[in-house]
Amino acid sequence: MSQTMTISRRTKPSMSKPSVYEQVARFTHEYFGADATHYVARLIEIHTRKQPEMLSKAELMSLLDWIKSAVSFFTEDKRAADAYIVALYNLAEDSNAASSAKTSGCLHRSSATHLS
């Protein structure tokens, strides 16, 4: 007898690799907060015409200029904005974005101006 297991996003097994969008959302939330995460999700939907969860690394790479422009609405902290874009670029390039951002010492929530 076969069993079907339903797994919610919050209870994904630790062995599964997060999707590109889940990683983008995590970085965005850590740097700029929940409002910015929603804004970036909407930007992805508009420019790719698909759900953010379907984002590929190639599509992320093509969106980096748009995301970089949008970051100016989230913060005036240029160092945090630059570190965030580097983390996303590394993710799109299939690098280890988390370790790259952590070694730069910038993986933190900046003094962001949140969107309403």
PDB file of N, CA and C in Angstrom:
ATOM      1  N   MET A   1       0.843  -1.180   0.000  1.00  0.00           N
ATOM      2  CA  MET A   1       0.000   0.000   0.000  1.00  0.00           C
ATOM      3  C   MET A   1       0.884   1.237   0.000  1.00  0.00           C
ATOM      4  N   SER A   2       0.610   2.111  -0.913  1.00  0.00           N
ATOM      5  CA  SER A   2       1.435   3.311  -1.036  1.00  0.00           C
ATOM      6  C   SER A   2       0.792   4.454  -0.265  1.00  0.00           C
ATOM      7  N   GLN A   3       1.640   5.240   0.359  1.00  0.00           N
ATOM      8  CA  GLN A   3       1.145   6.384   1.110  1.00  0.00           C
ATOM      9  C   GLN A   3       1.568   7.660   0.388  1.00  0.00           C
ATOM     10  N   THR A   4       0.696   8.630   0.391  1.00  0.00           N
ATOM     11  CA  THR A   4       1.015   9.932  -0.169  1.00  0.00           C
ATOM     12  C   THR A   4       1.265  10.879   0.977  1.00  0.00           C
ATOM     13  N   MET A   5       2.400  11.533   0.925  1.00  0.00           N
ATOM     14  CA  MET A   5       2.748  12.456   1.998  1.00  0.00           C
ATOM     15  C   MET A   5       2.617  13.877   1.475  1.00  0.00           C
ATOM     16  N   THR A   6       1.847  14.684   2.171  1.00  0.00           N
ATOM     17  CA  THR A   6       1.713  16.088   1.826  1.00  0.00           C
ATOM     18  C   THR A   6       2.647  16.867   2.732  1.00  0.00           C
ATOM     19  N   ILE A   7       3.464  17.671   2.108  1.00  0.00           N
ATOM     20  CA  ILE A   7       4.441  18.440   2.870  1.00  0.00           C
ATOM     21  C   ILE A   7       4.201  19.914   2.599  1.00  0.00           C
ATOM     22  N   SER A   8       3.982  20.670   3.643  1.00  0.00           N
ATOM     23  CA  SER A   8       3.806  22.110   3.472  1.00  0.00           C
ATOM     24  C   SER A   8       5.170  22.762   3.334  1.00  0.00           C
ATOM     25  N   ARG A   9       5.181  24.022   2.908  1.00  0.00           N
ATOM     26  CA  ARG A   9       6.441  24.745   2.761  1.00  0.00           C
ATOM     27  C   ARG A   9       7.221  24.812   4.070  1.00  0.00           C
ATOM     28  N   ARG A  10       6.524  24.948   5.152  1.00  0.00           N
ATOM     29  CA  ARG A  10       7.195  25.088   6.440  1.00  0.00           C
ATOM     30  C   ARG A  10       7.784  23.778   6.946  1.00  0.00           C
ATOM     31  N   THR A  11       7.325  22.662   6.432  1.00  0.00           N
ATOM     32  CA  THR A  11       7.800  21.391   6.937  1.00  0.00           C
ATOM     33  C   THR A  11       8.568  20.587   5.895  1.00  0.00           C
ATOM     34  N   LYS A  12       9.168  21.272   4.922  1.00  0.00           N
ATOM     35  CA  LYS A  12       9.957  20.563   3.926  1.00  0.00           C
ATOM     36  C   LYS A  12      11.110  19.847   4.612  1.00  0.00           C
ATOM     37  N   PRO A  13      11.426  18.657   4.155  1.00  0.00           N
ATOM     38  CA  PRO A  13      12.566  17.958   4.741  1.00  0.00           C
ATOM     39  C   PRO A  13      13.838  18.765   4.546  1.00  0.00           C
ATOM     40  N   SER A  14      14.730  18.697   5.506  1.00  0.00           N
ATOM     41  CA  SER A  14      15.945  19.490   5.446  1.00  0.00           C
ATOM     42  C   SER A  14      16.863  19.049   4.308  1.00  0.00           C
ATOM     43  N   MET A  15      16.658  17.842   3.787  1.00  0.00           N
ATOM     44  CA  MET A  15      17.521  17.345   2.728  1.00  0.00           C
ATOM     45  C   MET A  15      17.164  17.954   1.375  1.00  0.00           C
ATOM     46  N   SER A  16      15.956  18.452   1.207  1.00  0.00           N
ATOM     47  CA  SER A  16      15.576  19.018  -0.082  1.00  0.00           C
ATOM     48  C   SER A  16      16.163  20.417  -0.219  1.00  0.00           C
ATOM     49  N   LYS A  17      16.629  20.702  -1.410  1.00  0.00           N
ATOM     50  CA  LYS A  17      17.221  22.000  -1.679  1.00  0.00           C
ATOM     51  C   LYS A  17      16.107  23.011  -1.928  1.00  0.00           C
ATOM     52  N   PRO A  18      16.186  24.187  -1.298  1.00  0.00           N
ATOM     53  CA  PRO A  18      15.144  25.198  -1.523  1.00  0.00           C
ATOM     54  C   PRO A  18      15.144  25.656  -2.979  1.00  0.00           C
ATOM     55  N   SER A  19      13.971  26.038  -3.467  1.00  0.00           N
ATOM     56  CA  SER A  19      13.861  26.529  -4.839  1.00  0.00           C
ATOM     57  C   SER A  19      14.604  27.858  -4.964  1.00  0.00           C
ATOM     58  N   VAL A  20      14.819  28.278  -6.199  1.00  0.00           N
ATOM     59  CA  VAL A  20      15.475  29.565  -6.448  1.00  0.00           C
ATOM     60  C   VAL A  20      14.683  30.674  -5.769  1.00  0.00           C
ATOM     61  N   TYR A  21      13.352  30.658  -5.939  1.00  0.00           N
ATOM     62  CA  TYR A  21      12.549  31.708  -5.325  1.00  0.00           C
ATOM     63  C   TYR A  21      12.616  31.661  -3.800  1.00  0.00           C
ATOM     64  N   GLU A  22      12.596  30.479  -3.210  1.00  0.00           N
ATOM     65  CA  GLU A  22      12.680  30.384  -1.748  1.00  0.00           C
ATOM     66  C   GLU A  22      13.979  31.006  -1.245  1.00  0.00           C
ATOM     67  N   GLN A  23      15.050  30.814  -1.986  1.00  0.00           N
ATOM     68  CA  GLN A  23      16.322  31.417  -1.596  1.00  0.00           C
ATOM     69  C   GLN A  23      16.291  32.936  -1.789  1.00  0.00           C
ATOM     70  N   VAL A  24      15.719  33.397  -2.894  1.00  0.00           N
ATOM     71  CA  VAL A  24      15.573  34.841  -3.129  1.00  0.00           C
ATOM     72  C   VAL A  24      14.726  35.459  -2.024  1.00  0.00           C
ATOM     73  N   ALA A  25      13.618  34.817  -1.690  1.00  0.00           N
ATOM     74  CA  ALA A  25      12.729  35.328  -0.648  1.00  0.00           C
ATOM     75  C   ALA A  25      13.439  35.387   0.696  1.00  0.00           C
ATOM     76  N   ARG A  26      14.229  34.359   1.008  1.00  0.00           N
ATOM     77  CA  ARG A  26      14.962  34.353   2.282  1.00  0.00           C
ATOM     78  C   ARG A  26      15.955  35.507   2.338  1.00  0.00           C
ATOM     79  N   PHE A  27      16.738  35.693   1.260  1.00  0.00           N
ATOM     80  CA  PHE A  27      17.702  36.800   1.236  1.00  0.00           C
ATOM     81  C   PHE A  27      16.985  38.141   1.336  1.00  0.00           C
ATOM     82  N   THR A  28      15.920  38.300   0.586  1.00  0.00           N
ATOM     83  CA  THR A  28      15.186  39.565   0.582  1.00  0.00           C
ATOM     84  C   THR A  28      14.636  39.875   1.964  1.00  0.00           C
ATOM     85  N   HIS A  29      14.051  38.873   2.608  1.00  0.00           N
ATOM     86  CA  HIS A  29      13.497  39.079   3.952  1.00  0.00           C
ATOM     87  C   HIS A  29      14.597  39.409   4.944  1.00  0.00           C
ATOM     88  N   GLU A  30      15.724  38.717   4.866  1.00  0.00           N
ATOM     89  CA  GLU A  30      16.817  38.964   5.814  1.00  0.00           C
ATOM     90  C   GLU A  30      17.403  40.361   5.653  1.00  0.00           C
ATOM     91  N   TYR A  31      17.501  40.833   4.427  1.00  0.00           N
ATOM     92  CA  TYR A  31      18.078  42.152   4.194  1.00  0.00           C
ATOM     93  C   TYR A  31      17.079  43.287   4.397  1.00  0.00           C
ATOM     94  N   PHE A  32      15.813  43.099   3.929  1.00  0.00           N
ATOM     95  CA  PHE A  32      14.902  44.234   3.852  1.00  0.00           C
ATOM     96  C   PHE A  32      13.531  44.028   4.478  1.00  0.00           C
ATOM     97  N   GLY A  33      13.197  42.827   4.921  1.00  0.00           N
ATOM     98  CA  GLY A  33      11.925  42.590   5.579  1.00  0.00           C
ATOM     99  C   GLY A  33      10.840  42.037   4.674  1.00  0.00           C
ATOM    100  N   ALA A  34       9.700  41.754   5.284  1.00  0.00           N
ATOM    101  CA  ALA A  34       8.589  41.079   4.602  1.00  0.00           C
ATOM    102  C   ALA A  34       7.990  41.908   3.470  1.00  0.00           C
ATOM    103  N   ASP A  35       7.862  43.201   3.659  1.00  0.00           N
ATOM    104  CA  ASP A  35       7.267  44.031   2.607  1.00  0.00           C
ATOM    105  C   ASP A  35       8.098  43.983   1.330  1.00  0.00           C
ATOM    106  N   ALA A  36       9.397  44.024   1.476  1.00  0.00           N
ATOM    107  CA  ALA A  36      10.275  43.946   0.308  1.00  0.00           C
ATOM    108  C   ALA A  36      10.169  42.586  -0.357  1.00  0.00           C
ATOM    109  N   THR A  37      10.001  41.534   0.429  1.00  0.00           N
ATOM    110  CA  THR A  37       9.853  40.190  -0.117  1.00  0.00           C
ATOM    111  C   THR A  37       8.617  40.113  -0.993  1.00  0.00           C
ATOM    112  N   HIS A  38       7.513  40.687  -0.545  1.00  0.00           N
ATOM    113  CA  HIS A  38       6.285  40.714  -1.338  1.00  0.00           C
ATOM    114  C   HIS A  38       6.480  41.529  -2.615  1.00  0.00           C
ATOM    115  N   TYR A  39       7.201  42.626  -2.506  1.00  0.00           N
ATOM    116  CA  TYR A  39       7.455  43.482  -3.666  1.00  0.00           C
ATOM    117  C   TYR A  39       8.273  42.737  -4.721  1.00  0.00           C
ATOM    118  N   VAL A  40       9.316  42.027  -4.291  1.00  0.00           N
ATOM    119  CA  VAL A  40      10.151  41.268  -5.220  1.00  0.00           C
ATOM    120  C   VAL A  40       9.352  40.130  -5.849  1.00  0.00           C
ATOM    121  N   ALA A  41       8.484  39.490  -5.087  1.00  0.00           N
ATOM    122  CA  ALA A  41       7.631  38.432  -5.650  1.00  0.00           C
ATOM    123  C   ALA A  41       6.758  39.003  -6.757  1.00  0.00           C
ATOM    124  N   ARG A  42       6.210  40.161  -6.530  1.00  0.00           N
ATOM    125  CA  ARG A  42       5.358  40.803  -7.545  1.00  0.00           C
ATOM    126  C   ARG A  42       6.181  41.185  -8.776  1.00  0.00           C
ATOM    127  N   LEU A  43       7.378  41.691  -8.555  1.00  0.00           N
ATOM    128  CA  LEU A  43       8.269  42.029  -9.661  1.00  0.00           C
ATOM    129  C   LEU A  43       8.562  40.789 -10.517  1.00  0.00           C
ATOM    130  N   ILE A  44       8.798  39.662  -9.869  1.00  0.00           N
ATOM    131  CA  ILE A  44       9.038  38.402 -10.584  1.00  0.00           C
ATOM    132  C   ILE A  44       7.811  38.030 -11.412  1.00  0.00           C
ATOM    133  N   GLU A  45       6.630  38.116 -10.801  1.00  0.00           N
ATOM    134  CA  GLU A  45       5.396  37.784 -11.524  1.00  0.00           C
ATOM    135  C   GLU A  45       5.210  38.664 -12.761  1.00  0.00           C
ATOM    136  N   ILE A  46       5.448  39.947 -12.613  1.00  0.00           N
ATOM    137  CA  ILE A  46       5.245  40.891 -13.710  1.00  0.00           C
ATOM    138  C   ILE A  46       6.224  40.632 -14.856  1.00  0.00           C
ATOM    139  N   HIS A  47       7.491  40.439 -14.523  1.00  0.00           N
ATOM    140  CA  HIS A  47       8.512  40.340 -15.564  1.00  0.00           C
ATOM    141  C   HIS A  47       8.671  38.943 -16.160  1.00  0.00           C
ATOM    142  N   THR A  48       8.288  37.908 -15.437  1.00  0.00           N
ATOM    143  CA  THR A  48       8.407  36.550 -15.997  1.00  0.00           C
ATOM    144  C   THR A  48       7.059  35.991 -16.427  1.00  0.00           C
ATOM    145  N   ARG A  49       5.982  36.636 -15.962  1.00  0.00           N
ATOM    146  CA  ARG A  49       4.615  36.180 -16.236  1.00  0.00           C
ATOM    147  C   ARG A  49       4.376  34.746 -15.758  1.00  0.00           C
ATOM    148  N   LYS A  50       4.966  34.452 -14.611  1.00  0.00           N
ATOM    149  CA  LYS A  50       4.731  33.161 -13.981  1.00  0.00           C
ATOM    150  C   LYS A  50       4.822  33.336 -12.471  1.00  0.00           C
ATOM    151  N   GLN A  51       4.411  32.327 -11.760  1.00  0.00           N
ATOM    152  CA  GLN A  51       4.462  32.369 -10.306  1.00  0.00           C
ATOM    153  C   GLN A  51       5.924  32.408  -9.843  1.00  0.00           C
ATOM    154  N   PRO A  52       6.236  33.169  -8.803  1.00  0.00           N
ATOM    155  CA  PRO A  52       7.609  33.270  -8.321  1.00  0.00           C
ATOM    156  C   PRO A  52       8.256  31.904  -8.029  1.00  0.00           C
ATOM    157  N   GLU A  53       7.460  30.947  -7.547  1.00  0.00           N
ATOM    158  CA  GLU A  53       7.989  29.632  -7.208  1.00  0.00           C
ATOM    159  C   GLU A  53       8.557  28.900  -8.420  1.00  0.00           C
ATOM    160  N   MET A  54       8.210  29.350  -9.625  1.00  0.00           N
ATOM    161  CA  MET A  54       8.680  28.731 -10.860  1.00  0.00           C
ATOM    162  C   MET A  54       9.931  29.420 -11.414  1.00  0.00           C
ATOM    163  N   LEU A  55      10.474  30.385 -10.698  1.00  0.00           N
ATOM    164  CA  LEU A  55      11.635  31.151 -11.139  1.00  0.00           C
ATOM    165  C   LEU A  55      12.849  30.249 -11.350  1.00  0.00           C
ATOM    166  N   SER A  56      13.520  30.427 -12.483  1.00  0.00           N
ATOM    167  CA  SER A  56      14.751  29.684 -12.758  1.00  0.00           C
ATOM    168  C   SER A  56      15.948  30.597 -12.491  1.00  0.00           C
ATOM    169  N   LYS A  57      17.125  30.006 -12.428  1.00  0.00           N
ATOM    170  CA  LYS A  57      18.335  30.800 -12.220  1.00  0.00           C
ATOM    171  C   LYS A  57      18.587  31.730 -13.399  1.00  0.00           C
ATOM    172  N   ALA A  58      18.293  31.271 -14.610  1.00  0.00           N
ATOM    173  CA  ALA A  58      18.466  32.116 -15.793  1.00  0.00           C
ATOM    174  C   ALA A  58      17.530  33.322 -15.728  1.00  0.00           C
ATOM    175  N   GLU A  59      16.295  33.097 -15.294  1.00  0.00           N
ATOM    176  CA  GLU A  59      15.343  34.206 -15.166  1.00  0.00           C
ATOM    177  C   GLU A  59      15.774  35.170 -14.067  1.00  0.00           C
ATOM    178  N   LEU A  60      16.301  34.635 -12.975  1.00  0.00           N
ATOM    179  CA  LEU A  60      16.805  35.495 -11.904  1.00  0.00           C
ATOM    180  C   LEU A  60      17.916  36.387 -12.445  1.00  0.00           C
ATOM    181  N   MET A  61      18.819  35.803 -13.218  1.00  0.00           N
ATOM    182  CA  MET A  61      19.918  36.586 -13.789  1.00  0.00           C
ATOM    183  C   MET A  61      19.375  37.729 -14.642  1.00  0.00           C
ATOM    184  N   SER A  62      18.343  37.452 -15.430  1.00  0.00           N
ATOM    185  CA  SER A  62      17.782  38.502 -16.288  1.00  0.00           C
ATOM    186  C   SER A  62      17.024  39.566 -15.493  1.00  0.00           C
ATOM    187  N   LEU A  63      16.615  39.247 -14.275  1.00  0.00           N
ATOM    188  CA  LEU A  63      15.877  40.197 -13.434  1.00  0.00           C
ATOM    189  C   LEU A  63      16.775  41.028 -12.524  1.00  0.00           C
ATOM    190  N   LEU A  64      18.051  40.713 -12.447  1.00  0.00           N
ATOM    191  CA  LEU A  64      18.917  41.392 -11.479  1.00  0.00           C
ATOM    192  C   LEU A  64      18.939  42.910 -11.637  1.00  0.00           C
ATOM    193  N   ASP A  65      18.916  43.415 -12.858  1.00  0.00           N
ATOM    194  CA  ASP A  65      18.908  44.874 -13.040  1.00  0.00           C
ATOM    195  C   ASP A  65      17.626  45.489 -12.480  1.00  0.00           C
ATOM    196  N   TRP A  66      16.486  44.816 -12.720  1.00  0.00           N
ATOM    197  CA  TRP A  66      15.210  45.303 -12.174  1.00  0.00           C
ATOM    198  C   TRP A  66      15.232  45.260 -10.644  1.00  0.00           C
ATOM    199  N   ILE A  67      15.724  44.168 -10.106  1.00  0.00           N
ATOM    200  CA  ILE A  67      15.766  44.021  -8.646  1.00  0.00           C
ATOM    201  C   ILE A  67      16.710  45.062  -8.053  1.00  0.00           C
ATOM    202  N   LYS A  68      17.845  45.274  -8.696  1.00  0.00           N
ATOM    203  CA  LYS A  68      18.805  46.269  -8.197  1.00  0.00           C
ATOM    204  C   LYS A  68      18.165  47.656  -8.159  1.00  0.00           C
ATOM    205  N   SER A  69      17.390  47.992  -9.186  1.00  0.00           N
ATOM    206  CA  SER A  69      16.694  49.283  -9.197  1.00  0.00           C
ATOM    207  C   SER A  69      15.671  49.357  -8.071  1.00  0.00           C
ATOM    208  N   ALA A  70      14.953  48.268  -7.853  1.00  0.00           N
ATOM    209  CA  ALA A  70      13.918  48.238  -6.816  1.00  0.00           C
ATOM    210  C   ALA A  70      14.500  48.373  -5.416  1.00  0.00           C
ATOM    211  N   VAL A  71      15.710  47.895  -5.217  1.00  0.00           N
ATOM    212  CA  VAL A  71      16.328  47.923  -3.887  1.00  0.00           C
ATOM    213  C   VAL A  71      16.446  49.355  -3.363  1.00  0.00           C
ATOM    214  N   SER A  72      16.578  50.305  -4.263  1.00  0.00           N
ATOM    215  CA  SER A  72      16.697  51.693  -3.808  1.00  0.00           C
ATOM    216  C   SER A  72      15.449  52.165  -3.064  1.00  0.00           C
ATOM    217  N   PHE A  73      14.316  51.487  -3.281  1.00  0.00           N
ATOM    218  CA  PHE A  73      13.095  51.823  -2.534  1.00  0.00           C
ATOM    219  C   PHE A  73      13.100  51.228  -1.134  1.00  0.00           C
ATOM    220  N   PHE A  74      13.899  50.196  -0.919  1.00  0.00           N
ATOM    221  CA  PHE A  74      13.903  49.491   0.360  1.00  0.00           C
ATOM    222  C   PHE A  74      14.861  50.105   1.369  1.00  0.00           C
ATOM    223  N   THR A  75      15.968  50.669   0.887  1.00  0.00           N
ATOM    224  CA  THR A  75      16.997  51.109   1.818  1.00  0.00           C
ATOM    225  C   THR A  75      17.895  52.171   1.204  1.00  0.00           C
ATOM    226  N   GLU A  76      18.506  52.942   2.051  1.00  0.00           N
ATOM    227  CA  GLU A  76      19.541  53.874   1.625  1.00  0.00           C
ATOM    228  C   GLU A  76      20.921  53.309   1.954  1.00  0.00           C
ATOM    229  N   ASP A  77      20.951  52.128   2.558  1.00  0.00           N
ATOM    230  CA  ASP A  77      22.193  51.465   2.953  1.00  0.00           C
ATOM    231  C   ASP A  77      22.815  50.789   1.725  1.00  0.00           C
ATOM    232  N   LYS A  78      23.745  51.483   1.073  1.00  0.00           N
ATOM    233  CA  LYS A  78      24.349  50.983  -0.160  1.00  0.00           C
ATOM    234  C   LYS A  78      25.106  49.681   0.077  1.00  0.00           C
ATOM    235  N   ARG A  79      25.747  49.545   1.207  1.00  0.00           N
ATOM    236  CA  ARG A  79      26.502  48.321   1.496  1.00  0.00           C
ATOM    237  C   ARG A  79      25.573  47.108   1.565  1.00  0.00           C
ATOM    238  N   ALA A  80      24.440  47.247   2.238  1.00  0.00           N
ATOM    239  CA  ALA A  80      23.471  46.150   2.325  1.00  0.00           C
ATOM    240  C   ALA A  80      22.885  45.850   0.950  1.00  0.00           C
ATOM    241  N   ALA A  81      22.565  46.896   0.194  1.00  0.00           N
ATOM    242  CA  ALA A  81      22.005  46.706  -1.147  1.00  0.00           C
ATOM    243  C   ALA A  81      22.993  45.978  -2.048  1.00  0.00           C
ATOM    244  N   ASP A  82      24.259  46.369  -2.001  1.00  0.00           N
ATOM    245  CA  ASP A  82      25.280  45.717  -2.816  1.00  0.00           C
ATOM    246  C   ASP A  82      25.474  44.255  -2.403  1.00  0.00           C
ATOM    247  N   ALA A  83      25.506  43.992  -1.103  1.00  0.00           N
ATOM    248  CA  ALA A  83      25.677  42.620  -0.619  1.00  0.00           C
ATOM    249  C   ALA A  83      24.494  41.747  -1.034  1.00  0.00           C
ATOM    250  N   TYR A  84      23.306  42.295  -0.991  1.00  0.00           N
ATOM    251  CA  TYR A  84      22.097  41.579  -1.406  1.00  0.00           C
ATOM    252  C   TYR A  84      22.176  41.206  -2.883  1.00  0.00           C
ATOM    253  N   ILE A  85      22.539  42.162  -3.723  1.00  0.00           N
ATOM    254  CA  ILE A  85      22.640  41.902  -5.161  1.00  0.00           C
ATOM    255  C   ILE A  85      23.732  40.867  -5.431  1.00  0.00           C
ATOM    256  N   VAL A  86      24.848  40.946  -4.734  1.00  0.00           N
ATOM    257  CA  VAL A  86      25.912  39.938  -4.896  1.00  0.00           C
ATOM    258  C   VAL A  86      25.395  38.556  -4.516  1.00  0.00           C
ATOM    259  N   ALA A  87      24.644  38.469  -3.430  1.00  0.00           N
ATOM    260  CA  ALA A  87      24.080  37.175  -3.006  1.00  0.00           C
ATOM    261  C   ALA A  87      23.151  36.614  -4.081  1.00  0.00           C
ATOM    262  N   LEU A  88      22.307  37.462  -4.661  1.00  0.00           N
ATOM    263  CA  LEU A  88      21.406  37.006  -5.724  1.00  0.00           C
ATOM    264  C   LEU A  88      22.184  36.636  -6.984  1.00  0.00           C
ATOM    265  N   TYR A  89      23.202  37.405  -7.307  1.00  0.00           N
ATOM    266  CA  TYR A  89      24.026  37.089  -8.472  1.00  0.00           C
ATOM    267  C   TYR A  89      24.706  35.729  -8.284  1.00  0.00           C
ATOM    268  N   ASN A  90      25.255  35.501  -7.108  1.00  0.00           N
ATOM    269  CA  ASN A  90      25.899  34.217  -6.818  1.00  0.00           C
ATOM    270  C   ASN A  90      24.900  33.070  -6.917  1.00  0.00           C
ATOM    271  N   LEU A  91      23.697  33.287  -6.448  1.00  0.00           N
ATOM    272  CA  LEU A  91      22.646  32.280  -6.552  1.00  0.00           C
ATOM    273  C   LEU A  91      22.347  31.990  -8.022  1.00  0.00           C
ATOM    274  N   ALA A  92      22.204  33.032  -8.821  1.00  0.00           N
ATOM    275  CA  ALA A  92      21.913  32.866 -10.238  1.00  0.00           C
ATOM    276  C   ALA A  92      23.062  32.179 -10.972  1.00  0.00           C
ATOM    277  N   GLU A  93      24.265  32.400 -10.510  1.00  0.00           N
ATOM    278  CA  GLU A  93      25.447  31.788 -11.110  1.00  0.00           C
ATOM    279  C   GLU A  93      25.714  30.396 -10.558  1.00  0.00           C
ATOM    280  N   ASP A  94      24.825  29.902  -9.709  1.00  0.00           N
ATOM    281  CA  ASP A  94      24.928  28.572  -9.115  1.00  0.00           C
ATOM    282  C   ASP A  94      26.057  28.470  -8.103  1.00  0.00           C
ATOM    283  N   SER A  95      26.402  29.600  -7.496  1.00  0.00           N
ATOM    284  CA  SER A  95      27.403  29.612  -6.441  1.00  0.00           C
ATOM    285  C   SER A  95      26.718  29.424  -5.104  1.00  0.00           C
ATOM    286  N   ASN A  96      27.496  29.309  -4.078  1.00  0.00           N
ATOM    287  CA  ASN A  96      26.936  29.192  -2.742  1.00  0.00           C
ATOM    288  C   ASN A  96      26.697  30.593  -2.204  1.00  0.00           C
ATOM    289  N   ALA A  97      25.535  31.146  -2.495  1.00  0.00           N
ATOM    290  CA  ALA A  97      25.216  32.527  -2.151  1.00  0.00           C
ATOM    291  C   ALA A  97      25.223  32.767  -0.648  1.00  0.00           C
ATOM    292  N   ALA A  98      24.738  31.814   0.107  1.00  0.00           N
ATOM    293  CA  ALA A  98      24.661  32.012   1.560  1.00  0.00           C
ATOM    294  C   ALA A  98      26.050  32.168   2.159  1.00  0.00           C
ATOM    295  N   SER A  99      26.986  31.308   1.788  1.00  0.00           N
ATOM    296  CA  SER A  99      28.312  31.416   2.386  1.00  0.00           C
ATOM    297  C   SER A  99      29.022  32.658   1.883  1.00  0.00           C
ATOM    298  N   SER A 100      28.789  33.052   0.648  1.00  0.00           N
ATOM    299  CA  SER A 100      29.390  34.257   0.110  1.00  0.00           C
ATOM    300  C   SER A 100      28.913  35.479   0.883  1.00  0.00           C
ATOM    301  N   ALA A 101      27.612  35.566   1.115  1.00  0.00           N
ATOM    302  CA  ALA A 101      27.061  36.712   1.839  1.00  0.00           C
ATOM    303  C   ALA A 101      27.513  36.703   3.290  1.00  0.00           C
ATOM    304  N   LYS A 102      27.544  35.530   3.913  1.00  0.00           N
ATOM    305  CA  LYS A 102      27.957  35.461   5.315  1.00  0.00           C
ATOM    306  C   LYS A 102      29.414  35.844   5.482  1.00  0.00           C
ATOM    307  N   THR A 103      30.281  35.424   4.558  1.00  0.00           N
ATOM    308  CA  THR A 103      31.680  35.766   4.701  1.00  0.00           C
ATOM    309  C   THR A 103      31.928  37.242   4.484  1.00  0.00           C
ATOM    310  N   SER A 104      31.028  37.921   3.779  1.00  0.00           N
ATOM    311  CA  SER A 104      31.194  39.353   3.598  1.00  0.00           C
ATOM    312  C   SER A 104      30.754  40.110   4.851  1.00  0.00           C
ATOM    313  N   GLY A 105      30.106  39.400   5.775  1.00  0.00           N
ATOM    314  CA  GLY A 105      29.672  40.034   7.013  1.00  0.00           C
ATOM    315  C   GLY A 105      28.434  40.891   6.852  1.00  0.00           C
ATOM    316  N   CYS A 106      27.715  40.731   5.751  1.00  0.00           N
ATOM    317  CA  CYS A 106      26.592  41.615   5.461  1.00  0.00           C
ATOM    318  C   CYS A 106      25.244  40.938   5.545  1.00  0.00           C
ATOM    319  N   LEU A 107      25.167  39.685   5.937  1.00  0.00           N
ATOM    320  CA  LEU A 107      23.886  39.009   5.965  1.00  0.00           C
ATOM    321  C   LEU A 107      23.147  39.429   7.227  1.00  0.00           C
ATOM    322  N   HIS A 108      22.435  40.512   7.104  1.00  0.00           N
ATOM    323  CA  HIS A 108      21.689  41.065   8.232  1.00  0.00           C
ATOM    324  C   HIS A 108      20.528  41.872   7.700  1.00  0.00           C
ATOM    325  N   ARG A 109      19.634  42.175   8.576  1.00  0.00           N
ATOM    326  CA  ARG A 109      18.525  43.048   8.212  1.00  0.00           C
ATOM    327  C   ARG A 109      19.020  44.473   8.338  1.00  0.00           C
ATOM    328  N   SER A 110      18.988  45.196   7.240  1.00  0.00           N
ATOM    329  CA  SER A 110      19.512  46.570   7.242  1.00  0.00           C
ATOM    330  C   SER A 110      18.495  47.523   7.847  1.00  0.00           C
ATOM    331  N   SER A 111      18.915  48.746   7.979  1.00  0.00           N
ATOM    332  CA  SER A 111      17.986  49.795   8.405  1.00  0.00           C
ATOM    333  C   SER A 111      17.180  50.185   7.174  1.00  0.00           C
ATOM    334  N   ALA A 112      16.197  49.390   6.877  1.00  0.00           N
ATOM    335  CA  ALA A 112      15.437  49.543   5.644  1.00  0.00           C
ATOM    336  C   ALA A 112      14.235  50.431   5.835  1.00  0.00           C
ATOM    337  N   THR A 113      13.857  51.079   4.764  1.00  0.00           N
ATOM    338  CA  THR A 113      12.612  51.803   4.705  1.00  0.00           C
ATOM    339  C   THR A 113      11.628  50.850   4.056  1.00  0.00           C
ATOM    340  N   HIS A 114      10.708  50.296   4.830  1.00  0.00           N
ATOM    341  CA  HIS A 114       9.797  49.269   4.330  1.00  0.00           C
ATOM    342  C   HIS A 114       8.661  49.880   3.532  1.00  0.00           C
ATOM    343  N   LEU A 115       8.236  49.120   2.544  1.00  0.00           N
ATOM    344  CA  LEU A 115       7.091  49.539   1.740  1.00  0.00           C
ATOM    345  C   LEU A 115       5.815  49.324   2.515  1.00  0.00           C
ATOM    346  N   SER A 116       4.835  50.135   2.286  1.00  0.00           N
ATOM    347  CA  SER A 116       3.552  49.970   2.971  1.00  0.00           C
ATOM    348  C   SER A 116       2.597  49.199   2.123  1.00  0.00           C
TER     349      SER A 116
END
